[in-house]
Amino acid sequence: MRLRPGARVAIVGAGPSGLVAAKQALDAGFDVTVFEASDDLGGQWYTTAAHSGVWPAMHTNTSRAMTAFSDFDAPADYPLHPAAEQIHAYLRAYADHFGVTDRIRLRTPVSRLSPAWEVDGERFDGVIVASGRFRKPRIPPGLHAFDGDVIHAFDYPGAEPYRDRRPLVYGNGISGLEIASDLAAVTAVVSAFRKPRYVIQKVVDGVSSDWQWYTAFGALERRLLSREALSRKLRDRVLRVAGNPAAFGAPEPHGDIFTAGLSLCQDYLAQVADRSIVCRPAIAAINGRAVTFIDGSTATVDAIVCATGYDVDIPYLDGAVWAVLGPDLALYQRTLHPDLPGFGVIGQFLAQGPYLPLLELQARWIVATWAGEVSPPDEAHMRATIAEPRPPLDAHNALATTLADELGVAPDLLTRPELTDALLFGPLLPPRYRLDGPGALPDAAERFAAQLAASPRAPVEPADIDALRGFGLAQAADILSRSALV
């Protein structure tokens, strides 16, 4: 659906999703209003707000360059993994720089978003849902019998209140491992979970995980290799780089890495090895403060921190919109629906890897279709894709590549031979999406190269260069082979 010039666009939420959506919509000449329930922008990164699940002193698990947008670099003096407060400052600077701040209505919660489009009775031509995926903590059933403190990771206050107490962290996603690791610095921790996962470190040999594991080549492998071949290759690489959790004393994960899953934490496995973290399987029963696990083992603990995920929570959506989307948000590429013209969604997915570049690609795509800069997707294709099963967790490189293709900003791998290697095997730095296509910027190549030079990269394996020929990229392989001989 194309909107008229100057159309009124409503954006619900002034976190990263809402801010980048507002910036793109303003660039397109739309009249933008951002509705924000809180008294400040930033979403989860407004760390002192009641709605934030970010605990004090938390640092990002994604790198400085990848926790930023394509046309506004993170400050060069930020650490490799910035503190939460620094991300909040970055978002404030971004909103100020691009004129978004003045478009935000603070302390204005939305009660109802209905078709046509109306936000609490106020009419708009288009609307973007950008109110965040991590709003409604999920507590597993059966914990009511526990006679100590039970909180969700969303409310984790930091490690100090647990000093000299015995906590149990339930769940082994990133938050679960990070909290267990944080607690292990002050007390012994029980880390319980339903199934063992492989664990990669946040930094290896100076290389951030999002520079090493989420590359364009990796996205090609996900598209073109069989599930079995990809599982074997990923598992072999994880074992080579991060080691087998069983070697540290953690349970052995399933041999299929997709069945097992992958988590991230710098020190977790080392702490398991030194016994400051003890692993246990799923909880079977609770009696007072005694917890029995499904293997029959027991532990007496003083508190349980549930790192057990979040439910979808968009309470302001009208029933007519839910009737189209369904409870699991059936959207084309997590973003659009053919039966909801003038409606877009940003950030309502679970991802491995950085979020901000994905949010920006969604925002640019929505606005570009409304502004007529790109053609809307074919309706029949949209419906067929929506009907297909969707992964519960999107790998950053897979979703980023898909969104870049939809927007038409996937970089040309051949026109800049000096960047071919980095574009394929380096990190998916946000300026790559400003090299070609709608919204291309003249300084994008220079900024991409500068960000690339700011941190080390993992070495490229010769076999991966050879594999490019089988992926239909023989010319790119030739460029890389020639450069290797120079």
Foldseek 3Di string as FASTA:
>chain_A
DAADAQFEEEEEAQALLRLLLLLLLVVLRYRYAYEAQAQDGHQLLVPVDPQHLDAPFDWALAFQLLLDAQPQHQDLPAPRTHTSPSSSVSSVVSCVVRVNVVRYDYNGHFQAFEPVTDTVRHDGLFYEYENAQAGFDDDDPACPQEQAAEAASSPDHFQVVCAVFEEEEEDDAASSLARLVRNLVRAAYEYEYAFAAQEDEQADPQDGPLFAQFALLLLLCVVPPDLVVNQVVVVVVSCVRPNALVVLVEDGGDSRNVVRDYHYYHCRSVCSNVRSYPYAYDWDHDHHQWTAGPVGDIDGGRYYYYHDDGAGDDNRYDPVVCVQLPRQGLFQLQWHAPVRPSYTYAHNAAEDHRRSLLSSLSSNLNSCCNSVQAPDDDNVVGVVRSPDDDDRYYYPNNSNVVSLVSQVQQADLPPCLVCNCCNGNTRPRNLSSQCDHPNNDPCSVVVVVVVCVSTDHDDDDLVSLVCVVVSVNVVSSVSVVVVVVD
